[in-house]
N, C-alpha and C. Protein backbone atom coordinates (compact mmCIF):
# COMPACT_ATOMS: atom_id res chain seq x y z
N MET A 1 48.41 -92.30 -61.24
CA MET A 1 47.63 -91.15 -61.70
C MET A 1 48.58 -89.94 -61.78
N THR A 2 48.41 -89.15 -62.81
CA THR A 2 49.24 -87.96 -62.98
C THR A 2 48.38 -86.70 -62.93
N ILE A 3 49.04 -85.58 -62.67
CA ILE A 3 48.34 -84.29 -62.63
C ILE A 3 47.88 -83.94 -64.03
N SER A 4 46.56 -83.78 -64.16
CA SER A 4 45.96 -83.40 -65.44
C SER A 4 44.60 -82.77 -65.16
N GLU A 5 43.90 -82.39 -66.23
CA GLU A 5 42.60 -81.72 -66.11
C GLU A 5 41.64 -82.49 -65.20
N GLU A 6 40.91 -81.71 -64.40
CA GLU A 6 39.84 -82.22 -63.54
C GLU A 6 40.31 -83.17 -62.44
N LYS A 7 41.59 -83.07 -62.08
CA LYS A 7 42.12 -83.84 -60.95
C LYS A 7 42.22 -82.90 -59.74
N VAL A 8 41.88 -83.42 -58.56
CA VAL A 8 42.12 -82.69 -57.33
C VAL A 8 43.56 -82.99 -56.94
N VAL A 9 44.35 -81.95 -56.86
CA VAL A 9 45.77 -82.07 -56.57
C VAL A 9 46.03 -81.46 -55.20
N SER A 10 46.78 -82.18 -54.37
CA SER A 10 47.19 -81.67 -53.07
C SER A 10 48.71 -81.52 -53.06
N LEU A 11 49.17 -80.33 -52.67
CA LEU A 11 50.59 -80.01 -52.70
C LEU A 11 51.07 -79.46 -51.37
N SER A 12 52.31 -79.75 -51.05
CA SER A 12 53.03 -78.98 -50.03
C SER A 12 54.02 -78.14 -50.84
N TYR A 13 54.30 -76.94 -50.36
CA TYR A 13 55.24 -76.09 -51.10
C TYR A 13 55.73 -74.95 -50.24
N THR A 14 56.80 -74.35 -50.71
CA THR A 14 57.34 -73.14 -50.12
C THR A 14 57.52 -72.14 -51.26
N LEU A 15 57.10 -70.90 -51.00
CA LEU A 15 57.28 -69.81 -51.95
C LEU A 15 58.29 -68.84 -51.34
N VAL A 16 59.38 -68.61 -52.08
CA VAL A 16 60.42 -67.69 -51.63
C VAL A 16 60.51 -66.54 -52.63
N VAL A 17 60.55 -65.32 -52.10
CA VAL A 17 60.69 -64.12 -52.92
C VAL A 17 61.81 -63.28 -52.30
N ASP A 18 62.78 -62.93 -53.10
CA ASP A 18 63.92 -62.12 -52.64
C ASP A 18 64.56 -62.70 -51.38
N GLY A 19 64.64 -64.02 -51.30
CA GLY A 19 65.28 -64.68 -50.16
C GLY A 19 64.39 -64.85 -48.94
N ASP A 20 63.18 -64.31 -48.98
CA ASP A 20 62.25 -64.42 -47.85
C ASP A 20 61.17 -65.45 -48.14
N VAL A 21 60.87 -66.29 -47.15
CA VAL A 21 59.76 -67.24 -47.30
C VAL A 21 58.47 -66.45 -47.17
N ILE A 22 57.69 -66.45 -48.24
CA ILE A 22 56.42 -65.72 -48.28
C ILE A 22 55.27 -66.61 -47.81
N GLU A 23 55.36 -67.89 -48.19
CA GLU A 23 54.31 -68.84 -47.81
C GLU A 23 54.91 -70.24 -47.76
N SER A 24 54.44 -71.01 -46.77
CA SER A 24 54.89 -72.39 -46.65
C SER A 24 53.70 -73.25 -46.27
N VAL A 25 53.46 -74.29 -47.06
CA VAL A 25 52.36 -75.21 -46.83
C VAL A 25 52.97 -76.59 -46.59
N LYS A 26 52.69 -77.16 -45.42
CA LYS A 26 53.29 -78.43 -45.02
C LYS A 26 52.52 -79.63 -45.57
N GLU A 27 53.22 -80.77 -45.67
CA GLU A 27 52.61 -82.02 -46.16
C GLU A 27 51.42 -82.46 -45.32
N GLU A 28 51.48 -82.19 -44.02
CA GLU A 28 50.41 -82.62 -43.11
C GLU A 28 49.10 -81.89 -43.39
N LYS A 29 49.18 -80.68 -43.94
CA LYS A 29 48.00 -79.88 -44.28
C LYS A 29 48.21 -79.29 -45.66
N PRO A 30 48.21 -80.12 -46.69
CA PRO A 30 48.51 -79.62 -48.04
C PRO A 30 47.42 -78.71 -48.59
N MET A 31 47.80 -77.93 -49.59
CA MET A 31 46.84 -77.11 -50.32
C MET A 31 46.24 -77.97 -51.43
N ALA A 32 44.93 -77.89 -51.57
CA ALA A 32 44.24 -78.68 -52.61
C ALA A 32 43.57 -77.74 -53.61
N PHE A 33 43.58 -78.16 -54.87
CA PHE A 33 42.92 -77.39 -55.92
C PHE A 33 42.55 -78.33 -57.05
N ILE A 34 41.64 -77.88 -57.90
CA ILE A 34 41.26 -78.66 -59.07
C ILE A 34 42.09 -78.16 -60.24
N TYR A 35 42.92 -79.03 -60.78
CA TYR A 35 43.81 -78.67 -61.88
C TYR A 35 43.00 -78.24 -63.11
N GLY A 36 43.44 -77.14 -63.73
CA GLY A 36 42.82 -76.67 -64.96
C GLY A 36 41.58 -75.82 -64.76
N GLN A 37 41.26 -75.47 -63.51
CA GLN A 37 40.06 -74.68 -63.24
C GLN A 37 40.37 -73.22 -62.92
N GLY A 38 41.63 -72.82 -63.05
CA GLY A 38 41.99 -71.41 -62.85
C GLY A 38 42.25 -71.02 -61.41
N TYR A 39 42.48 -71.97 -60.54
CA TYR A 39 42.73 -71.65 -59.13
C TYR A 39 44.14 -71.12 -58.91
N LEU A 40 45.09 -71.59 -59.71
CA LEU A 40 46.49 -71.19 -59.56
C LEU A 40 46.97 -70.50 -60.83
N LEU A 41 48.12 -69.89 -60.72
CA LEU A 41 48.71 -69.25 -61.90
C LEU A 41 48.87 -70.28 -63.01
N PRO A 42 48.50 -69.93 -64.25
CA PRO A 42 48.63 -70.87 -65.36
C PRO A 42 50.05 -71.44 -65.50
N ALA A 43 51.06 -70.61 -65.34
CA ALA A 43 52.44 -71.09 -65.47
C ALA A 43 52.80 -72.07 -64.36
N PHE A 44 52.23 -71.88 -63.16
CA PHE A 44 52.46 -72.83 -62.06
C PHE A 44 51.88 -74.18 -62.45
N GLU A 45 50.65 -74.17 -62.94
CA GLU A 45 50.01 -75.43 -63.34
C GLU A 45 50.80 -76.11 -64.46
N GLU A 46 51.30 -75.34 -65.41
CA GLU A 46 52.09 -75.94 -66.49
C GLU A 46 53.32 -76.66 -65.95
N LYS A 47 53.95 -76.07 -64.93
CA LYS A 47 55.18 -76.64 -64.38
C LYS A 47 54.95 -77.96 -63.64
N ILE A 48 53.73 -78.17 -63.11
CA ILE A 48 53.48 -79.41 -62.35
C ILE A 48 52.68 -80.44 -63.14
N GLN A 49 52.23 -80.07 -64.33
CA GLN A 49 51.45 -81.01 -65.15
C GLN A 49 52.25 -82.30 -65.37
N GLY A 50 51.54 -83.43 -65.25
CA GLY A 50 52.15 -84.74 -65.50
C GLY A 50 52.88 -85.34 -64.31
N LYS A 51 53.02 -84.58 -63.23
CA LYS A 51 53.70 -85.12 -62.05
C LYS A 51 52.80 -86.13 -61.34
N LYS A 52 53.44 -87.01 -60.54
CA LYS A 52 52.75 -88.08 -59.81
C LYS A 52 52.89 -87.84 -58.31
N ILE A 53 52.10 -88.57 -57.54
CA ILE A 53 52.20 -88.50 -56.08
C ILE A 53 53.63 -88.81 -55.67
N GLY A 54 54.17 -87.97 -54.80
CA GLY A 54 55.54 -88.14 -54.32
C GLY A 54 56.57 -87.37 -55.12
N ASP A 55 56.22 -86.92 -56.34
CA ASP A 55 57.17 -86.14 -57.14
C ASP A 55 57.44 -84.79 -56.46
N GLU A 56 58.68 -84.37 -56.52
CA GLU A 56 59.05 -83.06 -56.00
C GLU A 56 59.23 -82.10 -57.17
N PHE A 57 59.12 -80.81 -56.88
CA PHE A 57 59.29 -79.80 -57.92
C PHE A 57 60.02 -78.58 -57.37
N THR A 58 60.75 -77.94 -58.24
CA THR A 58 61.42 -76.67 -57.96
C THR A 58 61.41 -75.89 -59.27
N PHE A 59 60.91 -74.68 -59.23
CA PHE A 59 60.92 -73.83 -60.43
C PHE A 59 60.77 -72.38 -60.04
N ILE A 60 61.10 -71.53 -60.99
CA ILE A 60 61.01 -70.08 -60.80
C ILE A 60 60.04 -69.53 -61.84
N LEU A 61 59.14 -68.66 -61.39
CA LEU A 61 58.25 -67.95 -62.32
C LEU A 61 58.69 -66.50 -62.38
N SER A 62 58.87 -66.00 -63.58
CA SER A 62 59.21 -64.59 -63.79
C SER A 62 57.98 -63.74 -63.46
N PRO A 63 58.16 -62.44 -63.25
CA PRO A 63 56.99 -61.59 -63.03
C PRO A 63 55.94 -61.75 -64.12
N LYS A 64 56.40 -61.88 -65.37
CA LYS A 64 55.47 -62.04 -66.50
C LYS A 64 54.59 -63.28 -66.31
N ASP A 65 55.17 -64.37 -65.82
CA ASP A 65 54.42 -65.60 -65.62
C ASP A 65 53.75 -65.68 -64.25
N GLY A 66 54.08 -64.72 -63.38
CA GLY A 66 53.50 -64.69 -62.04
C GLY A 66 52.36 -63.68 -61.98
N TYR A 67 52.59 -62.60 -61.26
CA TYR A 67 51.54 -61.59 -61.06
C TYR A 67 51.77 -60.32 -61.86
N GLY A 68 52.63 -60.42 -62.88
CA GLY A 68 52.86 -59.30 -63.77
C GLY A 68 53.87 -58.31 -63.23
N GLU A 69 54.22 -57.39 -64.09
CA GLU A 69 55.12 -56.30 -63.69
C GLU A 69 54.31 -55.26 -62.92
N VAL A 70 54.98 -54.42 -62.18
CA VAL A 70 54.31 -53.34 -61.47
C VAL A 70 53.79 -52.35 -62.51
N ASP A 71 52.49 -52.05 -62.44
CA ASP A 71 51.85 -51.11 -63.36
C ASP A 71 51.73 -49.76 -62.67
N PRO A 72 52.49 -48.75 -63.13
CA PRO A 72 52.42 -47.44 -62.48
C PRO A 72 51.02 -46.83 -62.52
N ASN A 73 50.20 -47.24 -63.49
CA ASN A 73 48.82 -46.73 -63.57
C ASN A 73 47.91 -47.31 -62.49
N ALA A 74 48.39 -48.35 -61.80
CA ALA A 74 47.60 -48.95 -60.73
C ALA A 74 47.92 -48.31 -59.38
N ILE A 75 48.74 -47.27 -59.40
CA ILE A 75 49.04 -46.50 -58.19
C ILE A 75 48.36 -45.16 -58.36
N VAL A 76 47.37 -44.90 -57.52
CA VAL A 76 46.53 -43.71 -57.70
C VAL A 76 46.35 -42.97 -56.38
N GLU A 77 46.04 -41.67 -56.51
CA GLU A 77 45.70 -40.87 -55.34
C GLU A 77 44.19 -40.76 -55.27
N LEU A 78 43.65 -41.09 -54.11
CA LEU A 78 42.21 -41.02 -53.88
C LEU A 78 41.92 -40.01 -52.78
N SER A 79 40.78 -39.38 -52.88
CA SER A 79 40.36 -38.45 -51.85
C SER A 79 40.11 -39.19 -50.54
N LYS A 80 40.53 -38.59 -49.45
CA LYS A 80 40.27 -39.20 -48.14
C LYS A 80 38.77 -39.34 -47.88
N ASP A 81 37.98 -38.53 -48.57
CA ASP A 81 36.52 -38.56 -48.36
C ASP A 81 35.93 -39.93 -48.62
N ILE A 82 36.49 -40.71 -49.57
CA ILE A 82 35.90 -42.02 -49.87
C ILE A 82 36.10 -43.02 -48.73
N PHE A 83 36.97 -42.69 -47.79
CA PHE A 83 37.23 -43.59 -46.65
C PHE A 83 36.41 -43.20 -45.42
N ARG A 84 35.64 -42.13 -45.55
CA ARG A 84 34.85 -41.66 -44.40
C ARG A 84 33.54 -42.45 -44.28
N VAL A 85 33.23 -42.81 -43.07
CA VAL A 85 31.94 -43.43 -42.73
C VAL A 85 31.34 -42.56 -41.63
N ASN A 86 30.14 -42.07 -41.87
CA ASN A 86 29.50 -41.13 -40.94
C ASN A 86 30.40 -39.93 -40.66
N GLY A 87 31.06 -39.43 -41.71
CA GLY A 87 31.88 -38.24 -41.61
C GLY A 87 33.26 -38.44 -40.99
N LYS A 88 33.63 -39.68 -40.68
CA LYS A 88 34.89 -39.92 -39.98
C LYS A 88 35.66 -41.08 -40.61
N VAL A 89 36.98 -40.96 -40.67
CA VAL A 89 37.83 -42.06 -41.11
C VAL A 89 38.16 -42.89 -39.87
N GLU A 90 37.90 -44.19 -39.96
CA GLU A 90 38.16 -45.10 -38.84
C GLU A 90 39.63 -45.05 -38.43
N ASP A 91 39.87 -44.97 -37.11
CA ASP A 91 41.24 -44.97 -36.60
C ASP A 91 41.97 -46.22 -37.06
N GLY A 92 43.20 -46.05 -37.51
CA GLY A 92 44.02 -47.18 -37.93
C GLY A 92 43.77 -47.66 -39.35
N LEU A 93 42.79 -47.06 -40.05
CA LEU A 93 42.49 -47.51 -41.41
C LEU A 93 43.56 -47.05 -42.40
N LEU A 94 43.88 -45.77 -42.36
CA LEU A 94 44.81 -45.21 -43.34
C LEU A 94 46.22 -45.19 -42.76
N VAL A 95 46.84 -46.37 -42.81
CA VAL A 95 48.19 -46.56 -42.29
C VAL A 95 49.04 -47.16 -43.41
N LYS A 96 50.26 -46.65 -43.58
CA LYS A 96 51.15 -47.15 -44.64
C LYS A 96 51.24 -48.67 -44.59
N ASP A 97 51.16 -49.29 -45.79
CA ASP A 97 51.25 -50.73 -46.02
C ASP A 97 50.00 -51.52 -45.62
N LYS A 98 48.97 -50.85 -45.12
CA LYS A 98 47.72 -51.54 -44.78
C LYS A 98 46.99 -51.92 -46.08
N VAL A 99 46.49 -53.15 -46.12
CA VAL A 99 45.72 -53.62 -47.27
C VAL A 99 44.24 -53.35 -46.98
N ILE A 100 43.59 -52.66 -47.90
CA ILE A 100 42.18 -52.29 -47.71
C ILE A 100 41.36 -52.89 -48.85
N PRO A 101 40.35 -53.72 -48.52
CA PRO A 101 39.47 -54.24 -49.56
C PRO A 101 38.60 -53.10 -50.10
N MET A 102 38.53 -53.02 -51.43
CA MET A 102 37.77 -51.95 -52.06
C MET A 102 36.99 -52.50 -53.25
N GLN A 103 36.29 -51.60 -53.92
CA GLN A 103 35.46 -51.97 -55.06
C GLN A 103 35.61 -50.88 -56.12
N ASP A 104 35.74 -51.31 -57.39
CA ASP A 104 35.84 -50.29 -58.44
C ASP A 104 34.44 -49.86 -58.88
N SER A 105 34.38 -48.96 -59.85
CA SER A 105 33.09 -48.41 -60.29
C SER A 105 32.20 -49.45 -60.96
N HIS A 106 32.76 -50.61 -61.32
CA HIS A 106 31.99 -51.69 -61.94
C HIS A 106 31.58 -52.77 -60.93
N GLY A 107 31.90 -52.55 -59.66
CA GLY A 107 31.54 -53.52 -58.63
C GLY A 107 32.56 -54.63 -58.43
N ASN A 108 33.70 -54.58 -59.14
CA ASN A 108 34.74 -55.60 -58.97
C ASN A 108 35.48 -55.41 -57.65
N GLN A 109 35.71 -56.50 -56.94
CA GLN A 109 36.44 -56.45 -55.68
C GLN A 109 37.95 -56.38 -55.98
N LEU A 110 38.65 -55.52 -55.25
CA LEU A 110 40.09 -55.44 -55.37
C LEU A 110 40.68 -54.98 -54.05
N SER A 111 41.95 -55.21 -53.88
CA SER A 111 42.63 -54.80 -52.66
C SER A 111 43.62 -53.71 -53.00
N GLY A 112 43.63 -52.68 -52.18
CA GLY A 112 44.59 -51.59 -52.35
C GLY A 112 45.51 -51.54 -51.15
N ILE A 113 46.75 -51.20 -51.40
CA ILE A 113 47.74 -51.07 -50.33
C ILE A 113 48.00 -49.58 -50.14
N VAL A 114 47.88 -49.12 -48.91
CA VAL A 114 48.14 -47.71 -48.61
C VAL A 114 49.64 -47.47 -48.75
N GLU A 115 50.00 -46.58 -49.68
CA GLU A 115 51.42 -46.25 -49.89
C GLU A 115 51.81 -45.00 -49.13
N GLU A 116 50.89 -44.01 -49.12
CA GLU A 116 51.22 -42.75 -48.48
C GLU A 116 49.92 -42.04 -48.11
N VAL A 117 49.89 -41.45 -46.93
CA VAL A 117 48.72 -40.70 -46.49
C VAL A 117 49.12 -39.23 -46.49
N LEU A 118 48.43 -38.46 -47.32
CA LEU A 118 48.68 -37.03 -47.44
C LEU A 118 47.56 -36.27 -46.73
N GLU A 119 47.59 -34.96 -46.80
CA GLU A 119 46.60 -34.18 -46.06
C GLU A 119 45.17 -34.46 -46.50
N ASP A 120 44.92 -34.43 -47.82
CA ASP A 120 43.55 -34.61 -48.32
C ASP A 120 43.38 -35.87 -49.17
N THR A 121 44.48 -36.55 -49.45
CA THR A 121 44.42 -37.72 -50.33
C THR A 121 45.21 -38.88 -49.73
N VAL A 122 44.99 -40.05 -50.35
CA VAL A 122 45.70 -41.26 -49.97
C VAL A 122 46.23 -41.88 -51.25
N LYS A 123 47.54 -42.18 -51.29
CA LYS A 123 48.12 -42.86 -52.44
C LYS A 123 47.94 -44.36 -52.22
N MET A 124 47.21 -45.00 -53.14
CA MET A 124 46.90 -46.43 -53.04
C MET A 124 47.53 -47.18 -54.20
N ASN A 125 48.04 -48.36 -53.90
CA ASN A 125 48.64 -49.23 -54.91
C ASN A 125 47.73 -50.43 -55.12
N PHE A 126 47.20 -50.57 -56.33
CA PHE A 126 46.29 -51.67 -56.65
C PHE A 126 46.97 -52.79 -57.43
N ASN A 127 48.30 -52.77 -57.51
CA ASN A 127 49.02 -53.90 -58.07
C ASN A 127 48.92 -55.07 -57.09
N HIS A 128 49.01 -56.30 -57.60
CA HIS A 128 49.09 -57.46 -56.72
C HIS A 128 50.34 -57.28 -55.86
N PRO A 129 50.30 -57.68 -54.58
CA PRO A 129 51.48 -57.53 -53.72
C PRO A 129 52.74 -58.20 -54.28
N LEU A 130 52.58 -59.21 -55.12
CA LEU A 130 53.74 -59.90 -55.69
C LEU A 130 54.04 -59.49 -57.14
N ALA A 131 53.40 -58.40 -57.59
CA ALA A 131 53.72 -57.89 -58.94
C ALA A 131 55.19 -57.47 -58.97
N GLY A 132 55.85 -57.79 -60.06
CA GLY A 132 57.25 -57.45 -60.21
C GLY A 132 58.21 -58.41 -59.54
N CYS A 133 57.69 -59.45 -58.92
CA CYS A 133 58.52 -60.40 -58.17
C CYS A 133 58.81 -61.66 -58.96
N GLU A 134 60.01 -62.18 -58.73
CA GLU A 134 60.37 -63.51 -59.22
C GLU A 134 59.93 -64.49 -58.13
N LEU A 135 59.12 -65.48 -58.49
CA LEU A 135 58.54 -66.42 -57.53
C LEU A 135 59.30 -67.74 -57.58
N ASN A 136 59.91 -68.12 -56.46
CA ASN A 136 60.69 -69.35 -56.36
C ASN A 136 59.88 -70.38 -55.59
N PHE A 137 59.41 -71.40 -56.30
CA PHE A 137 58.60 -72.45 -55.69
C PHE A 137 59.40 -73.74 -55.55
N SER A 138 59.20 -74.43 -54.44
CA SER A 138 59.69 -75.80 -54.29
C SER A 138 58.64 -76.54 -53.49
N GLY A 139 58.43 -77.81 -53.81
CA GLY A 139 57.40 -78.54 -53.09
C GLY A 139 57.31 -79.98 -53.52
N LYS A 140 56.18 -80.58 -53.14
CA LYS A 140 55.97 -82.00 -53.38
C LYS A 140 54.48 -82.26 -53.65
N VAL A 141 54.21 -83.21 -54.54
CA VAL A 141 52.84 -83.63 -54.82
C VAL A 141 52.46 -84.63 -53.73
N VAL A 142 51.45 -84.28 -52.95
CA VAL A 142 51.03 -85.11 -51.81
C VAL A 142 49.94 -86.09 -52.21
N ASP A 143 49.01 -85.66 -53.06
CA ASP A 143 47.91 -86.54 -53.45
C ASP A 143 47.33 -86.07 -54.78
N ILE A 144 46.73 -87.00 -55.50
CA ILE A 144 46.01 -86.71 -56.74
C ILE A 144 44.81 -87.64 -56.77
N ARG A 145 43.66 -87.09 -57.11
CA ARG A 145 42.47 -87.92 -57.28
C ARG A 145 41.55 -87.24 -58.30
N GLN A 146 40.63 -88.02 -58.83
CA GLN A 146 39.65 -87.47 -59.77
C GLN A 146 38.68 -86.56 -59.01
N ALA A 147 38.40 -85.38 -59.54
CA ALA A 147 37.40 -84.50 -58.94
C ALA A 147 36.01 -85.10 -59.14
N THR A 148 35.16 -84.91 -58.15
CA THR A 148 33.78 -85.37 -58.28
C THR A 148 33.01 -84.39 -59.16
N ASP A 149 31.87 -84.82 -59.68
CA ASP A 149 31.03 -83.92 -60.48
C ASP A 149 30.64 -82.69 -59.66
N LYS A 150 30.32 -82.89 -58.39
CA LYS A 150 29.94 -81.78 -57.51
C LYS A 150 31.10 -80.79 -57.36
N GLU A 151 32.31 -81.30 -57.18
CA GLU A 151 33.48 -80.42 -57.05
C GLU A 151 33.73 -79.64 -58.33
N LEU A 152 33.51 -80.27 -59.47
CA LEU A 152 33.71 -79.58 -60.74
C LEU A 152 32.71 -78.44 -60.93
N ILE A 153 31.53 -78.59 -60.36
CA ILE A 153 30.50 -77.54 -60.46
C ILE A 153 30.68 -76.48 -59.38
N GLU A 154 30.87 -76.94 -58.13
CA GLU A 154 30.88 -76.02 -56.98
C GLU A 154 32.27 -75.64 -56.49
N GLY A 155 33.31 -76.36 -56.92
CA GLY A 155 34.65 -76.08 -56.43
C GLY A 155 34.94 -76.83 -55.14
N LEU A 156 36.14 -76.63 -54.63
CA LEU A 156 36.56 -77.27 -53.38
C LEU A 156 36.26 -76.34 -52.22
N TYR A 157 36.02 -76.93 -51.07
CA TYR A 157 35.80 -76.16 -49.87
C TYR A 157 36.74 -76.68 -48.80
N GLY A 158 37.02 -75.86 -47.83
CA GLY A 158 37.83 -76.31 -46.71
C GLY A 158 39.00 -75.40 -46.46
N GLU A 159 39.64 -75.65 -45.36
CA GLU A 159 40.71 -74.81 -44.86
C GLU A 159 41.86 -74.66 -45.84
N ARG A 160 42.27 -75.71 -46.53
CA ARG A 160 43.43 -75.65 -47.40
C ARG A 160 43.08 -75.60 -48.89
N ALA A 161 41.82 -75.31 -49.22
CA ALA A 161 41.46 -75.18 -50.64
C ALA A 161 42.07 -73.90 -51.18
N ALA A 162 42.64 -73.98 -52.35
CA ALA A 162 43.28 -72.81 -52.96
C ALA A 162 42.25 -71.77 -53.35
N SER A 163 42.64 -70.51 -53.26
CA SER A 163 41.78 -69.44 -53.73
C SER A 163 42.17 -69.11 -55.17
N SER A 164 41.38 -68.27 -55.82
CA SER A 164 41.65 -67.97 -57.22
C SER A 164 42.92 -67.15 -57.42
N CYS A 165 43.49 -66.61 -56.37
CA CYS A 165 44.75 -65.88 -56.54
C CYS A 165 45.95 -66.75 -56.23
N GLY A 166 45.72 -68.00 -55.93
CA GLY A 166 46.83 -68.90 -55.65
C GLY A 166 47.16 -69.00 -54.19
N GLY A 167 46.41 -68.31 -53.36
CA GLY A 167 46.66 -68.40 -51.94
C GLY A 167 47.84 -67.60 -51.47
N SER A 168 48.46 -66.83 -52.37
CA SER A 168 49.65 -66.09 -52.00
C SER A 168 49.34 -64.66 -51.63
N CYS A 169 48.11 -64.30 -51.47
CA CYS A 169 47.76 -62.92 -51.19
C CYS A 169 47.73 -62.62 -49.69
N ASN A 170 47.34 -63.57 -48.90
CA ASN A 170 47.12 -63.30 -47.48
C ASN A 170 48.41 -63.13 -46.72
N GLY A 171 48.53 -62.02 -46.04
CA GLY A 171 49.68 -61.78 -45.19
C GLY A 171 50.97 -61.52 -45.93
N CYS A 172 50.89 -61.34 -47.22
CA CYS A 172 52.08 -61.15 -48.01
C CYS A 172 52.53 -59.71 -47.95
N SER A 173 53.82 -59.50 -47.82
CA SER A 173 54.34 -58.13 -47.80
C SER A 173 54.72 -57.64 -49.19
N GLY A 174 54.70 -58.54 -50.15
CA GLY A 174 55.04 -58.15 -51.52
C GLY A 174 56.53 -57.96 -51.71
N CYS A 175 56.89 -57.43 -52.84
CA CYS A 175 58.30 -57.22 -53.17
C CYS A 175 58.72 -55.80 -52.85
N SER A 176 59.96 -55.66 -52.52
CA SER A 176 60.50 -54.32 -52.23
C SER A 176 60.97 -53.67 -53.51
């Protein structure tokens, strides 16, 4: 069986950015996702298409094929007032490099990184933490199987199921 549409693929891999290991997933607890359902970066999926169980891979994704270039328009100054709850900003909330879950005016969920705390405003960066980064992947195909009808409708669940951002968002320090 090869990696193709509607297959549940399990991978071990290491992601290196600027010489630093950003994420490492071991064979014993591989990451699983349904190929072709938008769980991973499209360019990542293209690079592993057609591979079989046991195949290894190594490739680099440019910022264009990864999380895009840094968009200066995604760095904005916001009033400190929007961070107040009951008239007070929670201690430890507005700290440089802290990731804060937020919502835009349309109700879309997004994460902002505190870049700078000023007297009345906070400079927030809404670029993906890996925007502007060259992504160096190496890994191995651990398993491939046909997705069930239920999985195709509801998605995968569990500790190592991939998220829609590729699983590279959590705990990532981003590029310098």
